[in-house]
Amino acid sequence: CLLHAPEGCLRYPGRMVEFLDSPGAAHLLRYLEWLETAVQEVTPSFGATSFRTILVPQRVRSALSSWPAECALLQHSATVLVEALLLRGPEHQRQYAELRKASHARQQIEDEQVSEYNGISMDLESAAADFADQIKQVLSMGIEWPQVARISELAVSNIQQLAVDFLQN
């Protein structure tokens, strides 16, 4: 719980609580205090050079002493989170449902427009192809240019009217 945890953190707090409630906790704490004393006796002093060493018993005591405050802070944070979810959650869900509904409606409109525009495009292409066929027939018949121009003008006028009708609808 403590040895491999980042500084200031407590891993597996549930295990630590279970351990503290167990009969073996007092024995381990006495052992750690003894170990601290023994390590200090065998460690040579380095004179002016000092190393900041936090021994296991100190870390255990520190973690145990801060546990009630950490637990209270965690409980408070959980309470605030639940209150925020209860307060904001339903409104968020309602807004999300509206957004999803609007997006679905927009997609349907876009699909209908694409279908309609494809139909208009095909109608205009067909009218233009009919015009080209008419001109080919007229030219192959040897009709004079002024009459070809009138037929062309009439066909272009029909195509223009078709486009205007599409735009107005």
C-alpha atoms as a PDB file:
ATOM      1  CA  CYS A   1       0.000   0.000   0.000  1.00  0.00           C
ATOM      2  CA  LEU A   2       2.798   2.423   0.843  1.00  0.00           C
ATOM      3  CA  LEU A   3       6.139   1.175  -0.448  1.00  0.00           C
ATOM      4  CA  HIS A   4       5.334   1.333  -4.164  1.00  0.00           C
ATOM      5  CA  ALA A   5       2.938   4.280  -4.059  1.00  0.00           C
ATOM      6  CA  PRO A   6       3.938   7.684  -5.442  1.00  0.00           C
ATOM      7  CA  GLU A   7       4.843  10.176  -2.749  1.00  0.00           C
ATOM      8  CA  GLY A   8       1.787  11.584  -1.024  1.00  0.00           C
ATOM      9  CA  CYS A   9      -0.478   8.808  -2.342  1.00  0.00           C
ATOM     10  CA  LEU A  10      -1.924   5.707  -0.788  1.00  0.00           C
ATOM     11  CA  ARG A  11      -2.514   2.677  -2.965  1.00  0.00           C
ATOM     12  CA  TYR A  12      -5.196   0.151  -2.056  1.00  0.00           C
ATOM     13  CA  PRO A  13      -6.733   2.097   0.839  1.00  0.00           C
ATOM     14  CA  GLY A  14      -9.226  -0.728   1.429  1.00  0.00           C
ATOM     15  CA  ARG A  15      -6.375  -3.150   2.118  1.00  0.00           C
ATOM     16  CA  MET A  16      -4.765  -0.621   4.461  1.00  0.00           C
ATOM     17  CA  VAL A  17      -7.986  -0.246   6.449  1.00  0.00           C
ATOM     18  CA  GLU A  18      -8.356  -4.026   6.661  1.00  0.00           C
ATOM     19  CA  PHE A  19      -4.760  -4.300   7.818  1.00  0.00           C
ATOM     20  CA  LEU A  20      -5.197  -1.613  10.484  1.00  0.00           C
ATOM     21  CA  ASP A  21      -8.220  -3.462  11.826  1.00  0.00           C
ATOM     22  CA  SER A  22      -6.310  -6.738  11.956  1.00  0.00           C
ATOM     23  CA  PRO A  23      -4.527  -7.995  15.068  1.00  0.00           C
ATOM     24  CA  GLY A  24      -1.185  -8.078  13.219  1.00  0.00           C
ATOM     25  CA  ALA A  25      -1.032  -4.303  12.686  1.00  0.00           C
ATOM     26  CA  ALA A  26       0.345  -3.508  16.147  1.00  0.00           C
ATOM     27  CA  HIS A  27       3.070  -6.140  15.766  1.00  0.00           C
ATOM     28  CA  LEU A  28       4.114  -4.765  12.388  1.00  0.00           C
ATOM     29  CA  LEU A  29       4.239  -1.168  13.654  1.00  0.00           C
ATOM     30  CA  ARG A  30       6.451  -2.267  16.600  1.00  0.00           C
ATOM     31  CA  TYR A  31       8.682  -4.145  14.132  1.00  0.00           C
ATOM     32  CA  LEU A  32       8.974  -1.080  11.883  1.00  0.00           C
ATOM     33  CA  GLU A  33       9.911   1.118  14.833  1.00  0.00           C
ATOM     34  CA  TRP A  34      12.555  -1.420  15.862  1.00  0.00           C
ATOM     35  CA  LEU A  35      13.801  -1.586  12.276  1.00  0.00           C
ATOM     36  CA  GLU A  36      14.082   2.203  12.133  1.00  0.00           C
ATOM     37  CA  THR A  37      16.201   2.241  15.279  1.00  0.00           C
ATOM     38  CA  ALA A  38      18.371  -0.627  14.042  1.00  0.00           C
ATOM     39  CA  VAL A  39      18.956   1.009  10.656  1.00  0.00           C
ATOM     40  CA  GLN A  40      19.929   4.287  12.313  1.00  0.00           C
ATOM     41  CA  GLU A  41      22.456   2.472  14.504  1.00  0.00           C
ATOM     42  CA  VAL A  42      24.154   0.668  11.630  1.00  0.00           C
ATOM     43  CA  THR A  43      24.105   3.509   9.152  1.00  0.00           C
ATOM     44  CA  PRO A  44      27.399   5.409   9.318  1.00  0.00           C
ATOM     45  CA  SER A  45      27.085   9.124   9.498  1.00  0.00           C
ATOM     46  CA  PHE A  46      28.441  10.915   6.463  1.00  0.00           C
ATOM     47  CA  GLY A  47      29.453  14.096   8.237  1.00  0.00           C
ATOM     48  CA  ALA A  48      28.301  17.167   6.343  1.00  0.00           C
ATOM     49  CA  THR A  49      26.639  15.102   3.639  1.00  0.00           C
ATOM     50  CA  SER A  50      23.051  14.410   4.549  1.00  0.00           C
ATOM     51  CA  PHE A  51      20.517  12.361   2.718  1.00  0.00           C
ATOM     52  CA  ARG A  52      16.814  12.942   3.072  1.00  0.00           C
ATOM     53  CA  THR A  53      15.496   9.485   3.836  1.00  0.00           C
ATOM     54  CA  ILE A  54      11.918   8.854   4.796  1.00  0.00           C
ATOM     55  CA  LEU A  55      11.810   5.567   6.587  1.00  0.00           C
ATOM     56  CA  VAL A  56       8.953   3.133   6.254  1.00  0.00           C
ATOM     57  CA  PRO A  57       7.538   3.689   9.759  1.00  0.00           C
ATOM     58  CA  GLN A  58       7.415   7.426   9.177  1.00  0.00           C
ATOM     59  CA  ARG A  59       5.634   6.906   5.884  1.00  0.00           C
ATOM     60  CA  VAL A  60       3.192   4.518   7.519  1.00  0.00           C
ATOM     61  CA  ARG A  61       2.486   6.928  10.362  1.00  0.00           C
ATOM     62  CA  SER A  62       2.107   9.812   7.930  1.00  0.00           C
ATOM     63  CA  ALA A  63      -0.310   7.858   5.734  1.00  0.00           C
ATOM     64  CA  LEU A  64      -2.281   6.646   8.728  1.00  0.00           C
ATOM     65  CA  SER A  65      -2.529  10.091  10.240  1.00  0.00           C
ATOM     66  CA  SER A  66      -3.711  11.655   6.987  1.00  0.00           C
ATOM     67  CA  TRP A  67      -6.164   8.835   6.198  1.00  0.00           C
ATOM     68  CA  PRO A  68      -9.221  10.373   7.966  1.00  0.00           C
ATOM     69  CA  ALA A  69      -8.715  13.682   6.159  1.00  0.00           C
ATOM     70  CA  GLU A  70      -8.186  11.940   2.810  1.00  0.00           C
ATOM     71  CA  CYS A  71     -11.264   9.788   3.374  1.00  0.00           C
ATOM     72  CA  ALA A  72     -13.366  12.837   4.274  1.00  0.00           C
ATOM     73  CA  LEU A  73     -12.116  14.709   1.200  1.00  0.00           C
ATOM     74  CA  LEU A  74     -12.900  11.731  -1.025  1.00  0.00           C
ATOM     75  CA  GLN A  75     -16.381  11.403   0.473  1.00  0.00           C
ATOM     76  CA  HIS A  76     -16.984  15.128   0.011  1.00  0.00           C
ATOM     77  CA  SER A  77     -15.818  14.972  -3.615  1.00  0.00           C
ATOM     78  CA  ALA A  78     -18.084  11.987  -4.269  1.00  0.00           C
ATOM     79  CA  THR A  79     -21.040  13.795  -2.705  1.00  0.00           C
ATOM     80  CA  VAL A  80     -20.424  16.890  -4.812  1.00  0.00           C
ATOM     81  CA  LEU A  81     -20.122  14.754  -7.951  1.00  0.00           C
ATOM     82  CA  VAL A  82     -23.396  12.944  -7.221  1.00  0.00           C
ATOM     83  CA  GLU A  83     -25.170  16.250  -6.543  1.00  0.00           C
ATOM     84  CA  ALA A  84     -23.841  17.704  -9.801  1.00  0.00           C
ATOM     85  CA  LEU A  85     -24.964  14.634 -11.739  1.00  0.00           C
ATOM     86  CA  LEU A  86     -28.408  14.732 -10.158  1.00  0.00           C
ATOM     87  CA  LEU A  87     -28.741  18.454 -10.796  1.00  0.00           C
ATOM     88  CA  ARG A  88     -27.277  18.694 -14.307  1.00  0.00           C
ATOM     89  CA  GLY A  89     -27.715  15.148 -15.615  1.00  0.00           C
ATOM     90  CA  PRO A  90     -31.411  15.249 -16.585  1.00  0.00           C
ATOM     91  CA  GLU A  91     -31.032  18.599 -18.357  1.00  0.00           C
ATOM     92  CA  HIS A  92     -27.966  17.342 -20.216  1.00  0.00           C
ATOM     93  CA  GLN A  93     -29.828  14.207 -21.295  1.00  0.00           C
ATOM     94  CA  ARG A  94     -32.791  16.302 -22.477  1.00  0.00           C
ATOM     95  CA  GLN A  95     -30.540  18.629 -24.461  1.00  0.00           C
ATOM     96  CA  TYR A  96     -28.651  15.693 -25.947  1.00  0.00           C
ATOM     97  CA  ALA A  97     -31.932  14.055 -27.011  1.00  0.00           C
ATOM     98  CA  GLU A  98     -33.011  17.319 -28.672  1.00  0.00           C
ATOM     99  CA  LEU A  99     -29.668  17.614 -30.440  1.00  0.00           C
ATOM    100  CA  ARG A 100     -29.909  14.027 -31.678  1.00  0.00           C
ATOM    101  CA  LYS A 101     -33.482  14.631 -32.889  1.00  0.00           C
ATOM    102  CA  ALA A 102     -32.471  17.845 -34.689  1.00  0.00           C
ATOM    103  CA  SER A 103     -29.449  16.149 -36.274  1.00  0.00           C
ATOM    104  CA  HIS A 104     -31.648  13.299 -37.494  1.00  0.00           C
ATOM    105  CA  ALA A 105     -34.182  15.752 -38.956  1.00  0.00           C
ATOM    106  CA  ARG A 106     -31.393  17.738 -40.642  1.00  0.00           C
ATOM    107  CA  GLN A 107     -29.990  14.546 -42.168  1.00  0.00           C
ATOM    108  CA  GLN A 108     -33.429  13.600 -43.518  1.00  0.00           C
ATOM    109  CA  ILE A 109     -33.829  17.058 -45.082  1.00  0.00           C
ATOM    110  CA  GLU A 110     -30.377  16.824 -46.637  1.00  0.00           C
ATOM    111  CA  ASP A 111     -31.152  13.365 -48.039  1.00  0.00           C
ATOM    112  CA  GLU A 112     -34.427  14.621 -49.541  1.00  0.00           C
ATOM    113  CA  GLN A 113     -32.649  17.631 -51.077  1.00  0.00           C
ATOM    114  CA  VAL A 114     -29.918  15.462 -52.580  1.00  0.00           C
ATOM    115  CA  SER A 115     -32.552  13.185 -54.087  1.00  0.00           C
ATOM    116  CA  GLU A 116     -34.501  16.152 -55.453  1.00  0.00           C
ATOM    117  CA  TYR A 117     -31.371  17.818 -56.866  1.00  0.00           C
ATOM    118  CA  ASN A 118     -30.319  14.564 -58.517  1.00  0.00           C
ATOM    119  CA  GLY A 119     -33.730  14.403 -60.200  1.00  0.00           C
ATOM    120  CA  ILE A 120     -33.454  18.018 -61.374  1.00  0.00           C
ATOM    121  CA  SER A 121     -29.960  17.378 -62.682  1.00  0.00           C
ATOM    122  CA  MET A 122     -31.136  14.330 -64.615  1.00  0.00           C
ATOM    123  CA  ASP A 123     -34.099  16.283 -66.087  1.00  0.00           C
ATOM    124  CA  LEU A 124     -31.797  19.116 -67.211  1.00  0.00           C
ATOM    125  CA  GLU A 125     -29.311  16.640 -68.697  1.00  0.00           C
ATOM    126  CA  SER A 126     -32.150  14.935 -70.561  1.00  0.00           C
ATOM    127  CA  ALA A 127     -33.420  18.282 -71.917  1.00  0.00           C
ATOM    128  CA  ALA A 128     -29.905  19.225 -73.035  1.00  0.00           C
ATOM    129  CA  ALA A 129     -29.449  15.822 -74.715  1.00  0.00           C
ATOM    130  CA  ASP A 130     -32.815  16.246 -76.503  1.00  0.00           C
ATOM    131  CA  PHE A 131     -31.677  19.673 -77.684  1.00  0.00           C
ATOM    132  CA  ALA A 132     -28.411  18.236 -79.025  1.00  0.00           C
ATOM    133  CA  ASP A 133     -30.322  15.461 -80.834  1.00  0.00           C
ATOM    134  CA  GLN A 134     -32.711  18.010 -82.347  1.00  0.00           C
ATOM    135  CA  ILE A 135     -29.853  20.121 -83.652  1.00  0.00           C
ATOM    136  CA  LYS A 136     -28.175  17.050 -85.178  1.00  0.00           C
ATOM    137  CA  GLN A 137     -31.431  16.088 -86.934  1.00  0.00           C
ATOM    138  CA  VAL A 138     -32.019  19.619 -88.199  1.00  0.00           C
ATOM    139  CA  LEU A 139     -28.467  19.884 -89.510  1.00  0.00           C
ATOM    140  CA  SER A 140     -28.637  16.468 -91.158  1.00  0.00           C
ATOM    141  CA  MET A 141     -31.854  17.513 -92.955  1.00  0.00           C
ATOM    142  CA  GLY A 142     -30.070  20.452 -94.525  1.00  0.00           C
ATOM    143  CA  ILE A 143     -32.341  23.128 -93.042  1.00  0.00           C
ATOM    144  CA  GLU A 144     -31.080  26.670 -93.450  1.00  0.00           C
ATOM    145  CA  TRP A 145     -29.324  28.476 -90.614  1.00  0.00           C
ATOM    146  CA  PRO A 146     -32.023  31.018 -89.771  1.00  0.00           C
ATOM    147  CA  GLN A 147     -34.509  28.198 -89.174  1.00  0.00           C
ATOM    148  CA  VAL A 148     -31.874  26.234 -87.176  1.00  0.00           C
ATOM    149  CA  ALA A 149     -31.344  29.353 -85.054  1.00  0.00           C
ATOM    150  CA  ARG A 150     -35.123  29.614 -84.351  1.00  0.00           C
ATOM    151  CA  ILE A 151     -35.318  25.923 -83.382  1.00  0.00           C
ATOM    152  CA  SER A 152     -32.226  26.345 -81.189  1.00  0.00           C
ATOM    153  CA  GLU A 153     -33.687  29.450 -79.561  1.00  0.00           C
ATOM    154  CA  LEU A 154     -36.934  27.594 -78.826  1.00  0.00           C
ATOM    155  CA  ALA A 155     -35.088  24.576 -77.341  1.00  0.00           C
ATOM    156  CA  VAL A 156     -32.812  26.798 -75.205  1.00  0.00           C
ATOM    157  CA  SER A 157     -35.878  28.742 -74.061  1.00  0.00           C
ATOM    158  CA  ASN A 158     -37.519  25.441 -72.994  1.00  0.00           C
ATOM    159  CA  ILE A 159     -34.389  24.430 -71.069  1.00  0.00           C
ATOM    160  CA  GLN A 160     -34.250  27.867 -69.449  1.00  0.00           C
ATOM    161  CA  GLN A 161     -37.914  27.642 -68.431  1.00  0.00           C
ATOM    162  CA  LEU A 162     -37.325  24.171 -67.001  1.00  0.00           C
ATOM    163  CA  ALA A 163     -34.422  25.526 -64.893  1.00  0.00           C
ATOM    164  CA  VAL A 164     -36.510  28.511 -63.709  1.00  0.00           C
ATOM    165  CA  ASP A 165     -39.341  26.175 -62.697  1.00  0.00           C
ATOM    166  CA  PHE A 166     -36.917  24.031 -60.719  1.00  0.00           C
ATOM    167  CA  LEU A 167     -35.456  27.066 -58.956  1.00  0.00           C
ATOM    168  CA  GLN A 168     -38.863  28.462 -58.048  1.00  0.00           C
ATOM    169  CA  ASN A 169     -40.063  25.186 -56.568  1.00  0.00           C
END
